[in-house]
Amino acid sequence: NPYAFTNADAKTILSFFDNTPSDADVFICCDSGESRSPAIAAALKKYQGESDSNIWDSPEYHPNSFVYHICCECFQSMK
């Protein structure tokens, strides 16, 4: 289901991220690490005020734009 990722999922991710020590390494993974994971990583970079272009421009990743937009909208509303 392409719409299986929800706003509640994004809130859970951000809650976990915000409660992780700032000096911790964060590893983001999904079944293949090619679509959802990069989308979440890009959204988290944007949330931190960093550029996410290295993820979008990489030939290794194909960020899921639906997941990215859900995360960005949720993360922005929780700032």
N, C-alpha and C. Protein backbone atom coordinates (compact mmCIF):
# COMPACT_ATOMS: atom_id res chain seq x y z
N ASN A 1 0.84 -1.18 0.00
CA ASN A 1 0.00 0.00 0.00
C ASN A 1 0.89 1.24 0.00
N PRO A 2 0.80 2.06 -1.03
CA PRO A 2 1.66 3.25 -1.09
C PRO A 2 1.36 4.29 -0.03
N TYR A 3 0.20 4.20 0.62
CA TYR A 3 -0.16 5.18 1.63
C TYR A 3 -0.08 4.58 3.04
N ALA A 4 0.72 3.54 3.20
CA ALA A 4 0.85 2.87 4.49
C ALA A 4 1.61 3.72 5.50
N PHE A 5 2.41 4.66 5.05
CA PHE A 5 3.15 5.56 5.94
C PHE A 5 2.23 6.70 6.34
N THR A 6 2.11 6.93 7.65
CA THR A 6 1.15 7.92 8.14
C THR A 6 1.82 9.04 8.93
N ASN A 7 1.04 10.05 9.23
CA ASN A 7 1.49 11.14 10.07
C ASN A 7 1.90 10.62 11.45
N ALA A 8 1.19 9.61 11.94
CA ALA A 8 1.53 9.01 13.24
C ALA A 8 2.91 8.36 13.18
N ASP A 9 3.25 7.74 12.05
CA ASP A 9 4.58 7.16 11.88
C ASP A 9 5.64 8.25 11.94
N ALA A 10 5.38 9.35 11.27
CA ALA A 10 6.34 10.47 11.27
C ALA A 10 6.51 11.03 12.68
N LYS A 11 5.43 11.15 13.43
CA LYS A 11 5.51 11.65 14.80
C LYS A 11 6.35 10.72 15.67
N THR A 12 6.18 9.42 15.48
CA THR A 12 6.96 8.44 16.25
C THR A 12 8.44 8.57 15.93
N ILE A 13 8.76 8.73 14.66
CA ILE A 13 10.16 8.89 14.23
C ILE A 13 10.75 10.15 14.85
N LEU A 14 10.04 11.25 14.76
CA LEU A 14 10.56 12.51 15.29
C LEU A 14 10.70 12.45 16.81
N SER A 15 9.77 11.85 17.49
CA SER A 15 9.86 11.71 18.94
C SER A 15 11.11 10.92 19.32
N PHE A 16 11.35 9.81 18.62
CA PHE A 16 12.55 9.02 18.87
C PHE A 16 13.80 9.86 18.59
N PHE A 17 13.81 10.54 17.46
CA PHE A 17 14.97 11.34 17.07
C PHE A 17 15.25 12.45 18.07
N ASP A 18 14.21 13.16 18.49
CA ASP A 18 14.38 14.26 19.43
C ASP A 18 14.82 13.79 20.82
N ASN A 19 14.56 12.54 21.14
CA ASN A 19 14.95 12.00 22.45
C ASN A 19 16.25 11.20 22.40
N THR A 20 16.93 11.25 21.28
CA THR A 20 18.22 10.59 21.12
C THR A 20 19.31 11.59 21.45
N PRO A 21 20.33 11.20 22.21
CA PRO A 21 21.42 12.15 22.52
C PRO A 21 22.01 12.76 21.24
N SER A 22 22.33 14.04 21.31
CA SER A 22 22.79 14.75 20.12
C SER A 22 24.11 14.21 19.57
N ASP A 23 24.89 13.53 20.39
CA ASP A 23 26.16 13.00 19.90
C ASP A 23 26.04 11.55 19.43
N ALA A 24 24.82 11.01 19.42
CA ALA A 24 24.61 9.62 19.00
C ALA A 24 24.55 9.51 17.48
N ASP A 25 25.01 8.39 16.97
CA ASP A 25 24.84 8.08 15.56
C ASP A 25 23.44 7.51 15.39
N VAL A 26 22.74 7.96 14.36
CA VAL A 26 21.39 7.47 14.08
C VAL A 26 21.44 6.67 12.79
N PHE A 27 20.96 5.45 12.84
CA PHE A 27 20.92 4.56 11.68
C PHE A 27 19.47 4.40 11.27
N ILE A 28 19.15 4.73 10.03
CA ILE A 28 17.78 4.64 9.54
C ILE A 28 17.74 3.54 8.49
N CYS A 29 16.85 2.58 8.69
CA CYS A 29 16.78 1.48 7.72
C CYS A 29 15.33 1.02 7.53
N CYS A 30 15.08 0.45 6.37
CA CYS A 30 13.81 -0.19 6.07
C CYS A 30 14.16 -1.49 5.32
N ASP A 31 13.22 -2.10 4.69
CA ASP A 31 13.48 -3.39 4.04
C ASP A 31 14.63 -3.33 3.03
N SER A 32 14.63 -2.33 2.17
CA SER A 32 15.70 -2.28 1.16
C SER A 32 16.64 -1.09 1.33
N GLY A 33 16.26 -0.11 2.14
CA GLY A 33 17.13 1.04 2.38
C GLY A 33 17.30 1.94 1.17
N GLU A 34 16.36 1.91 0.28
CA GLU A 34 16.50 2.64 -0.98
C GLU A 34 15.49 3.77 -1.14
N SER A 35 14.35 3.65 -0.50
CA SER A 35 13.27 4.60 -0.74
C SER A 35 12.78 5.29 0.55
N ARG A 36 12.24 4.52 1.47
CA ARG A 36 11.71 5.12 2.70
C ARG A 36 12.80 5.67 3.59
N SER A 37 13.84 4.89 3.79
CA SER A 37 14.94 5.33 4.66
C SER A 37 15.55 6.64 4.18
N PRO A 38 15.91 6.75 2.90
CA PRO A 38 16.46 8.02 2.44
C PRO A 38 15.48 9.19 2.57
N ALA A 39 14.20 8.90 2.38
CA ALA A 39 13.20 9.96 2.53
C ALA A 39 13.16 10.47 3.96
N ILE A 40 13.20 9.56 4.91
CA ILE A 40 13.19 9.94 6.33
C ILE A 40 14.48 10.67 6.69
N ALA A 41 15.61 10.16 6.20
CA ALA A 41 16.90 10.81 6.47
C ALA A 41 16.92 12.23 5.91
N ALA A 42 16.42 12.40 4.69
CA ALA A 42 16.37 13.73 4.07
C ALA A 42 15.48 14.67 4.87
N ALA A 43 14.34 14.19 5.31
CA ALA A 43 13.42 15.02 6.10
C ALA A 43 14.04 15.40 7.44
N LEU A 44 14.75 14.47 8.06
CA LEU A 44 15.41 14.78 9.34
C LEU A 44 16.53 15.81 9.14
N LYS A 45 17.26 15.71 8.03
CA LYS A 45 18.29 16.70 7.75
C LYS A 45 17.65 18.08 7.58
N LYS A 46 16.56 18.13 6.84
CA LYS A 46 15.85 19.39 6.63
C LYS A 46 15.34 19.93 7.97
N TYR A 47 14.82 19.06 8.82
CA TYR A 47 14.33 19.44 10.15
C TYR A 47 15.43 20.09 10.97
N GLN A 48 16.66 19.62 10.80
CA GLN A 48 17.81 20.17 11.53
C GLN A 48 18.39 21.41 10.86
N GLY A 49 17.81 21.84 9.76
CA GLY A 49 18.29 23.02 9.06
C GLY A 49 19.46 22.73 8.13
N GLU A 50 19.69 21.46 7.84
CA GLU A 50 20.77 21.06 6.95
C GLU A 50 20.24 20.83 5.53
N SER A 51 21.14 20.81 4.58
CA SER A 51 20.76 20.50 3.21
C SER A 51 20.54 19.01 3.07
N ASP A 52 19.51 18.64 2.34
CA ASP A 52 19.25 17.23 2.07
C ASP A 52 19.62 16.86 0.63
N SER A 53 20.33 17.75 -0.04
CA SER A 53 20.64 17.54 -1.46
C SER A 53 21.55 16.33 -1.69
N ASN A 54 22.41 16.00 -0.71
CA ASN A 54 23.29 14.84 -0.92
C ASN A 54 22.48 13.54 -1.01
N ILE A 55 21.32 13.50 -0.41
CA ILE A 55 20.46 12.33 -0.49
C ILE A 55 19.69 12.34 -1.81
N TRP A 56 19.10 13.48 -2.15
CA TRP A 56 18.32 13.57 -3.38
C TRP A 56 19.19 13.45 -4.63
N ASP A 57 20.43 13.90 -4.55
CA ASP A 57 21.31 13.88 -5.72
C ASP A 57 22.08 12.57 -5.88
N SER A 58 22.03 11.69 -4.90
CA SER A 58 22.78 10.44 -4.95
C SER A 58 22.10 9.43 -5.87
N PRO A 59 22.88 8.79 -6.75
CA PRO A 59 22.30 7.74 -7.59
C PRO A 59 21.98 6.46 -6.81
N GLU A 60 22.47 6.37 -5.57
CA GLU A 60 22.22 5.18 -4.74
C GLU A 60 20.83 5.17 -4.11
N TYR A 61 20.24 6.34 -3.97
CA TYR A 61 18.97 6.45 -3.26
C TYR A 61 17.87 6.94 -4.18
N HIS A 62 16.66 6.56 -3.84
CA HIS A 62 15.47 7.02 -4.56
C HIS A 62 14.41 7.37 -3.51
N PRO A 63 14.60 8.52 -2.83
CA PRO A 63 13.70 8.86 -1.73
C PRO A 63 12.23 8.84 -2.15
N ASN A 64 11.43 8.26 -1.31
CA ASN A 64 10.00 8.19 -1.53
C ASN A 64 9.43 9.58 -1.24
N SER A 65 8.94 10.25 -2.26
CA SER A 65 8.49 11.64 -2.09
C SER A 65 7.26 11.72 -1.19
N PHE A 66 6.40 10.71 -1.19
CA PHE A 66 5.24 10.71 -0.30
C PHE A 66 5.69 10.68 1.16
N VAL A 67 6.60 9.77 1.49
CA VAL A 67 7.12 9.67 2.86
C VAL A 67 7.84 10.96 3.25
N TYR A 68 8.63 11.51 2.33
CA TYR A 68 9.36 12.75 2.58
C TYR A 68 8.40 13.89 2.92
N HIS A 69 7.36 14.04 2.14
CA HIS A 69 6.42 15.15 2.37
C HIS A 69 5.62 14.96 3.66
N ILE A 70 5.23 13.73 3.96
CA ILE A 70 4.53 13.47 5.23
C ILE A 70 5.45 13.85 6.40
N CYS A 71 6.70 13.41 6.33
CA CYS A 71 7.66 13.72 7.40
C CYS A 71 7.89 15.22 7.51
N CYS A 72 8.14 15.87 6.40
CA CYS A 72 8.42 17.32 6.44
C CYS A 72 7.23 18.09 7.02
N GLU A 73 6.03 17.75 6.62
CA GLU A 73 4.84 18.43 7.15
C GLU A 73 4.71 18.18 8.65
N CYS A 74 4.88 16.96 9.05
CA CYS A 74 4.76 16.61 10.47
C CYS A 74 5.87 17.28 11.29
N PHE A 75 7.10 17.18 10.82
CA PHE A 75 8.23 17.73 11.56
C PHE A 75 8.08 19.25 11.71
N GLN A 76 7.62 19.90 10.65
CA GLN A 76 7.45 21.36 10.70
C GLN A 76 6.37 21.73 11.71
N SER A 77 5.29 20.94 11.76
CA SER A 77 4.20 21.27 12.69
C SER A 77 4.58 21.01 14.14
N MET A 78 5.63 20.20 14.36
CA MET A 78 6.04 19.87 15.72
C MET A 78 7.21 20.72 16.20
N LYS A 79 7.70 21.62 15.37
CA LYS A 79 8.83 22.49 15.77
C LYS A 79 8.40 23.45 16.84
